[in-house]
Structure formats: C-alpha cells, structure tokens
Amino acid sequence: GVGLMVTGGISPNRAGWVGPFASKLTTNEEMEKHKLVTDAVHSVTVPSVDNPHGETARICMQILHTGRYAYHPFAVSCSATKSPISPFPARALTVPQIL
C-alpha cells in the first residue's frame, strides 16, 4: 500500500497556472473538488509495521507556480523573461507584489 500519496501541479492562482483550465486552488468550489480526491485517499487503510490495524492513508498536495514556464499570457515571474518552452514572456513582479 501507499502511506503518503503526493499529488501535484496545483496552482495557487491564475498567474501560476500551467495553462488555461489547469488545476488551481483559489475558490471554495475548487476546494470541494479537491476534497473528493482527499476524502477518497483518507478512506483507505494501509498496512503498518507499528499498527496491526493499519494506518489511514495520507495525501500531500504539491503547490506549483509555473512562473515563466506558464503557457499563457498572464504569466508572472521575478523577471520579464520568456522560457524556451512558452511563447509568452512573463511579466516581472515588483517587490510590493511579491511581499
């Protein structure tokens, strides 16, 4: 069994999307959709050396902000550069926008 499942590529905002309609977590509606996966993982018991009854499986969401590698025109990064894999240059963030 799997004790910890890592799921990734979830953007914290639209500017950090991999591309349009990619996974993100910015609204209550999106949270409810992600909870379907979380609840399914938590419903599983996995074998454990320390506990003969097993342990509840765990899930960890990897947050991903794509920066200049985003494949959309809303990309932001620490500098106004374009990655070699995206046709869109990123907009540089200012210090207040970062803080």
N, C-alpha and C. Protein backbone atom coordinates (compact mmCIF):
# COMPACT_ATOMS: atom_id res chain seq x y z
N GLY A 1 0.82 -1.19 0.00
CA GLY A 1 0.00 0.00 0.00
C GLY A 1 0.86 1.25 0.00
N VAL A 2 0.21 2.34 -0.16
CA VAL A 2 0.86 3.64 -0.20
C VAL A 2 0.53 4.38 1.09
N GLY A 3 1.55 4.83 1.83
CA GLY A 3 1.32 5.56 3.07
C GLY A 3 1.12 7.04 2.85
N LEU A 4 1.77 7.60 1.83
CA LEU A 4 1.63 9.01 1.51
C LEU A 4 1.57 9.16 0.00
N MET A 5 0.49 9.74 -0.48
CA MET A 5 0.34 9.99 -1.90
C MET A 5 0.58 11.48 -2.12
N VAL A 6 1.45 11.82 -3.05
CA VAL A 6 1.72 13.21 -3.37
C VAL A 6 1.06 13.52 -4.71
N THR A 7 0.21 14.53 -4.70
CA THR A 7 -0.42 14.96 -5.93
C THR A 7 0.07 16.37 -6.22
N GLY A 8 0.32 16.68 -7.45
CA GLY A 8 0.98 17.96 -7.70
C GLY A 8 0.47 18.72 -8.90
N GLY A 9 1.12 19.84 -9.07
CA GLY A 9 0.78 20.71 -10.19
C GLY A 9 -0.44 21.56 -9.92
N ILE A 10 -0.75 21.82 -8.66
CA ILE A 10 -1.91 22.62 -8.30
C ILE A 10 -1.47 24.06 -8.10
N SER A 11 -1.99 24.95 -8.91
CA SER A 11 -1.56 26.34 -8.86
C SER A 11 -2.26 27.12 -7.76
N PRO A 12 -1.54 28.05 -7.12
CA PRO A 12 -2.17 28.88 -6.09
C PRO A 12 -2.98 30.05 -6.65
N ASN A 13 -2.83 30.30 -7.95
CA ASN A 13 -3.58 31.40 -8.58
C ASN A 13 -3.53 31.26 -10.11
N ARG A 14 -4.29 32.11 -10.79
CA ARG A 14 -4.36 32.02 -12.25
C ARG A 14 -3.02 32.34 -12.91
N ALA A 15 -2.28 33.29 -12.35
CA ALA A 15 -0.98 33.65 -12.93
C ALA A 15 0.01 32.49 -12.87
N GLY A 16 -0.18 31.58 -11.93
CA GLY A 16 0.72 30.44 -11.78
C GLY A 16 0.27 29.18 -12.49
N TRP A 17 -0.88 29.24 -13.17
CA TRP A 17 -1.37 28.10 -13.95
C TRP A 17 -0.31 27.56 -14.89
N VAL A 18 -0.33 26.27 -15.14
CA VAL A 18 0.47 25.71 -16.23
C VAL A 18 -0.10 26.23 -17.54
N GLY A 19 -1.42 26.22 -17.65
CA GLY A 19 -2.11 26.72 -18.84
C GLY A 19 -3.58 26.90 -18.51
N PRO A 20 -4.33 27.47 -19.44
CA PRO A 20 -5.77 27.67 -19.20
C PRO A 20 -6.47 26.36 -18.81
N PHE A 21 -7.29 26.46 -17.79
CA PHE A 21 -8.09 25.35 -17.27
C PHE A 21 -7.27 24.29 -16.54
N ALA A 22 -6.01 24.59 -16.24
CA ALA A 22 -5.19 23.68 -15.44
C ALA A 22 -5.68 23.74 -13.99
N SER A 23 -5.26 22.79 -13.21
CA SER A 23 -5.68 22.72 -11.81
C SER A 23 -5.17 23.92 -11.02
N LYS A 24 -6.07 24.47 -10.20
CA LYS A 24 -5.69 25.52 -9.27
C LYS A 24 -6.58 25.40 -8.04
N LEU A 25 -6.21 26.11 -7.01
CA LEU A 25 -6.97 26.05 -5.77
C LEU A 25 -7.12 27.47 -5.23
N THR A 26 -8.15 28.16 -5.74
CA THR A 26 -8.35 29.55 -5.35
C THR A 26 -9.78 29.87 -4.92
N THR A 27 -10.70 28.93 -5.10
CA THR A 27 -12.09 29.17 -4.74
C THR A 27 -12.62 28.03 -3.87
N ASN A 28 -13.72 28.27 -3.19
CA ASN A 28 -14.37 27.21 -2.40
C ASN A 28 -14.84 26.08 -3.29
N GLU A 29 -15.31 26.39 -4.49
CA GLU A 29 -15.76 25.35 -5.43
C GLU A 29 -14.60 24.43 -5.80
N GLU A 30 -13.44 25.01 -6.08
CA GLU A 30 -12.26 24.20 -6.41
C GLU A 30 -11.83 23.37 -5.20
N MET A 31 -11.93 23.94 -4.01
CA MET A 31 -11.59 23.20 -2.79
C MET A 31 -12.48 21.97 -2.65
N GLU A 32 -13.77 22.13 -2.91
CA GLU A 32 -14.69 20.99 -2.80
C GLU A 32 -14.34 19.90 -3.80
N LYS A 33 -13.90 20.28 -4.99
CA LYS A 33 -13.49 19.29 -6.00
C LYS A 33 -12.24 18.55 -5.54
N HIS A 34 -11.29 19.27 -4.97
CA HIS A 34 -10.06 18.62 -4.48
C HIS A 34 -10.38 17.72 -3.28
N LYS A 35 -11.38 18.08 -2.50
CA LYS A 35 -11.76 17.25 -1.34
C LYS A 35 -12.24 15.87 -1.76
N LEU A 36 -12.79 15.73 -2.97
CA LEU A 36 -13.21 14.41 -3.46
C LEU A 36 -12.02 13.46 -3.47
N VAL A 37 -10.90 13.94 -3.97
CA VAL A 37 -9.69 13.11 -4.03
C VAL A 37 -9.15 12.87 -2.62
N THR A 38 -9.08 13.94 -1.82
CA THR A 38 -8.58 13.82 -0.45
C THR A 38 -9.40 12.82 0.35
N ASP A 39 -10.71 12.92 0.28
CA ASP A 39 -11.59 12.01 1.01
C ASP A 39 -11.41 10.56 0.55
N ALA A 40 -11.23 10.37 -0.76
CA ALA A 40 -11.03 9.01 -1.28
C ALA A 40 -9.73 8.41 -0.73
N VAL A 41 -8.66 9.20 -0.70
CA VAL A 41 -7.39 8.71 -0.17
C VAL A 41 -7.52 8.42 1.33
N HIS A 42 -8.16 9.32 2.06
CA HIS A 42 -8.31 9.13 3.51
C HIS A 42 -9.21 7.94 3.86
N SER A 43 -9.99 7.47 2.91
CA SER A 43 -10.88 6.33 3.19
C SER A 43 -10.14 4.99 3.13
N VAL A 44 -8.88 5.01 2.75
CA VAL A 44 -8.09 3.79 2.58
C VAL A 44 -7.24 3.55 3.82
N THR A 45 -7.16 2.29 4.24
CA THR A 45 -6.27 1.89 5.32
C THR A 45 -5.11 1.14 4.71
N VAL A 46 -3.90 1.53 5.09
CA VAL A 46 -2.70 0.89 4.54
C VAL A 46 -2.00 0.10 5.64
N PRO A 47 -1.32 -0.98 5.28
CA PRO A 47 -0.61 -1.78 6.28
C PRO A 47 0.43 -0.95 7.01
N SER A 48 0.67 -1.30 8.27
CA SER A 48 1.64 -0.59 9.08
C SER A 48 2.40 -1.57 9.96
N VAL A 49 3.70 -1.38 10.08
CA VAL A 49 4.51 -2.21 10.95
C VAL A 49 4.16 -1.93 12.41
N ASP A 50 3.88 -0.67 12.72
CA ASP A 50 3.62 -0.25 14.10
C ASP A 50 2.19 -0.49 14.56
N ASN A 51 1.26 -0.63 13.63
CA ASN A 51 -0.16 -0.76 14.00
C ASN A 51 -0.76 -1.93 13.23
N PRO A 52 -1.15 -3.00 13.91
CA PRO A 52 -1.70 -4.17 13.21
C PRO A 52 -3.02 -3.88 12.51
N HIS A 53 -3.68 -2.79 12.88
CA HIS A 53 -4.96 -2.43 12.24
C HIS A 53 -4.75 -1.53 11.02
N GLY A 54 -3.52 -1.15 10.77
CA GLY A 54 -3.22 -0.29 9.63
C GLY A 54 -3.31 1.18 9.98
N GLU A 55 -2.97 2.01 9.03
CA GLU A 55 -2.98 3.47 9.19
C GLU A 55 -3.82 4.07 8.07
N THR A 56 -4.38 5.21 8.35
CA THR A 56 -5.11 5.95 7.32
C THR A 56 -4.11 6.51 6.32
N ALA A 57 -4.37 6.30 5.05
CA ALA A 57 -3.50 6.85 4.01
C ALA A 57 -3.54 8.37 4.06
N ARG A 58 -2.47 8.99 3.65
CA ARG A 58 -2.35 10.44 3.67
C ARG A 58 -2.07 10.96 2.27
N ILE A 59 -2.43 12.21 2.05
CA ILE A 59 -2.20 12.84 0.77
C ILE A 59 -1.58 14.21 1.01
N CYS A 60 -0.65 14.58 0.15
CA CYS A 60 0.03 15.87 0.24
C CYS A 60 -0.11 16.55 -1.12
N MET A 61 -0.66 17.75 -1.12
CA MET A 61 -0.83 18.49 -2.37
C MET A 61 0.41 19.34 -2.63
N GLN A 62 1.02 19.15 -3.77
CA GLN A 62 2.17 19.95 -4.15
C GLN A 62 1.67 21.21 -4.84
N ILE A 63 2.05 22.36 -4.29
CA ILE A 63 1.67 23.63 -4.88
C ILE A 63 2.71 23.99 -5.94
N LEU A 64 2.24 24.36 -7.12
CA LEU A 64 3.13 24.65 -8.24
C LEU A 64 2.78 26.00 -8.84
N HIS A 65 3.72 26.91 -8.80
CA HIS A 65 3.58 28.18 -9.53
C HIS A 65 4.57 28.11 -10.68
N THR A 66 4.09 28.17 -11.90
CA THR A 66 4.94 27.91 -13.07
C THR A 66 5.87 29.05 -13.44
N GLY A 67 5.60 30.26 -12.96
CA GLY A 67 6.48 31.39 -13.30
C GLY A 67 6.59 31.57 -14.79
N ARG A 68 7.80 31.74 -15.29
CA ARG A 68 8.00 31.99 -16.72
C ARG A 68 7.70 30.77 -17.58
N TYR A 69 7.52 29.62 -16.98
CA TYR A 69 7.21 28.41 -17.74
C TYR A 69 5.72 28.24 -18.02
N ALA A 70 4.91 29.18 -17.55
CA ALA A 70 3.47 29.12 -17.80
C ALA A 70 3.20 29.22 -19.29
N TYR A 71 2.17 28.51 -19.72
CA TYR A 71 1.82 28.51 -21.14
C TYR A 71 0.55 29.34 -21.34
N HIS A 72 0.62 30.60 -20.94
CA HIS A 72 -0.49 31.54 -21.10
C HIS A 72 0.04 32.97 -20.96
N PRO A 73 -0.69 33.96 -21.45
CA PRO A 73 -0.18 35.34 -21.45
C PRO A 73 -0.27 36.05 -20.10
N PHE A 74 -0.75 35.40 -19.04
CA PHE A 74 -0.89 36.04 -17.73
C PHE A 74 0.28 35.68 -16.80
N ALA A 75 1.31 35.06 -17.32
CA ALA A 75 2.43 34.58 -16.51
C ALA A 75 3.15 35.73 -15.81
N VAL A 76 3.56 35.47 -14.57
CA VAL A 76 4.38 36.40 -13.81
C VAL A 76 5.60 35.66 -13.30
N SER A 77 6.68 36.41 -13.11
CA SER A 77 7.92 35.82 -12.63
C SER A 77 8.73 36.89 -11.93
N CYS A 78 9.92 36.52 -11.48
CA CYS A 78 10.79 37.51 -10.83
C CYS A 78 11.41 38.45 -11.85
N SER A 79 11.38 38.09 -13.13
CA SER A 79 11.91 38.95 -14.18
C SER A 79 11.05 38.81 -15.43
N ALA A 80 11.13 39.78 -16.29
CA ALA A 80 10.36 39.77 -17.54
C ALA A 80 11.11 38.95 -18.58
N THR A 81 11.04 37.66 -18.43
CA THR A 81 11.74 36.77 -19.35
C THR A 81 10.77 35.75 -19.92
N LYS A 82 11.20 35.12 -21.00
CA LYS A 82 10.39 34.09 -21.64
C LYS A 82 11.16 32.77 -21.53
N SER A 83 10.45 31.73 -21.17
CA SER A 83 11.10 30.42 -21.10
C SER A 83 11.26 29.87 -22.52
N PRO A 84 12.12 28.90 -22.70
CA PRO A 84 12.29 28.31 -24.03
C PRO A 84 11.11 27.45 -24.47
N ILE A 85 10.19 27.13 -23.54
CA ILE A 85 9.08 26.25 -23.90
C ILE A 85 7.74 26.96 -24.00
N SER A 86 7.71 28.26 -23.78
CA SER A 86 6.45 29.00 -23.83
C SER A 86 6.58 30.17 -24.80
N PRO A 87 5.54 30.43 -25.59
CA PRO A 87 5.61 31.58 -26.50
C PRO A 87 5.33 32.91 -25.78
N PHE A 88 4.98 32.86 -24.50
CA PHE A 88 4.58 34.05 -23.77
C PHE A 88 5.66 34.51 -22.80
N PRO A 89 6.09 35.76 -22.89
CA PRO A 89 7.02 36.26 -21.88
C PRO A 89 6.28 36.54 -20.57
N ALA A 90 6.96 36.31 -19.48
CA ALA A 90 6.37 36.59 -18.17
C ALA A 90 6.48 38.08 -17.86
N ARG A 91 5.56 38.56 -17.06
CA ARG A 91 5.61 39.93 -16.57
C ARG A 91 6.38 39.90 -15.25
N ALA A 92 7.31 40.83 -15.08
CA ALA A 92 8.10 40.89 -13.86
C ALA A 92 7.25 41.44 -12.71
N LEU A 93 7.33 40.78 -11.57
CA LEU A 93 6.65 41.26 -10.37
C LEU A 93 7.50 42.34 -9.69
N THR A 94 6.85 43.30 -9.09
CA THR A 94 7.54 44.30 -8.30
C THR A 94 7.74 43.77 -6.89
N VAL A 95 8.59 44.40 -6.11
CA VAL A 95 8.81 43.96 -4.73
C VAL A 95 7.51 43.99 -3.93
N PRO A 96 6.68 45.07 -3.99
CA PRO A 96 5.41 45.04 -3.25
C PRO A 96 4.47 43.90 -3.69
N GLN A 97 4.50 43.54 -4.96
CA GLN A 97 3.66 42.43 -5.42
C GLN A 97 4.14 41.11 -4.87
N ILE A 98 5.43 40.98 -4.64
CA ILE A 98 5.98 39.75 -4.08
C ILE A 98 5.67 39.68 -2.59
N LEU A 99 5.80 40.80 -1.90
CA LEU A 99 5.56 40.82 -0.47
C LEU A 99 4.08 40.80 -0.19
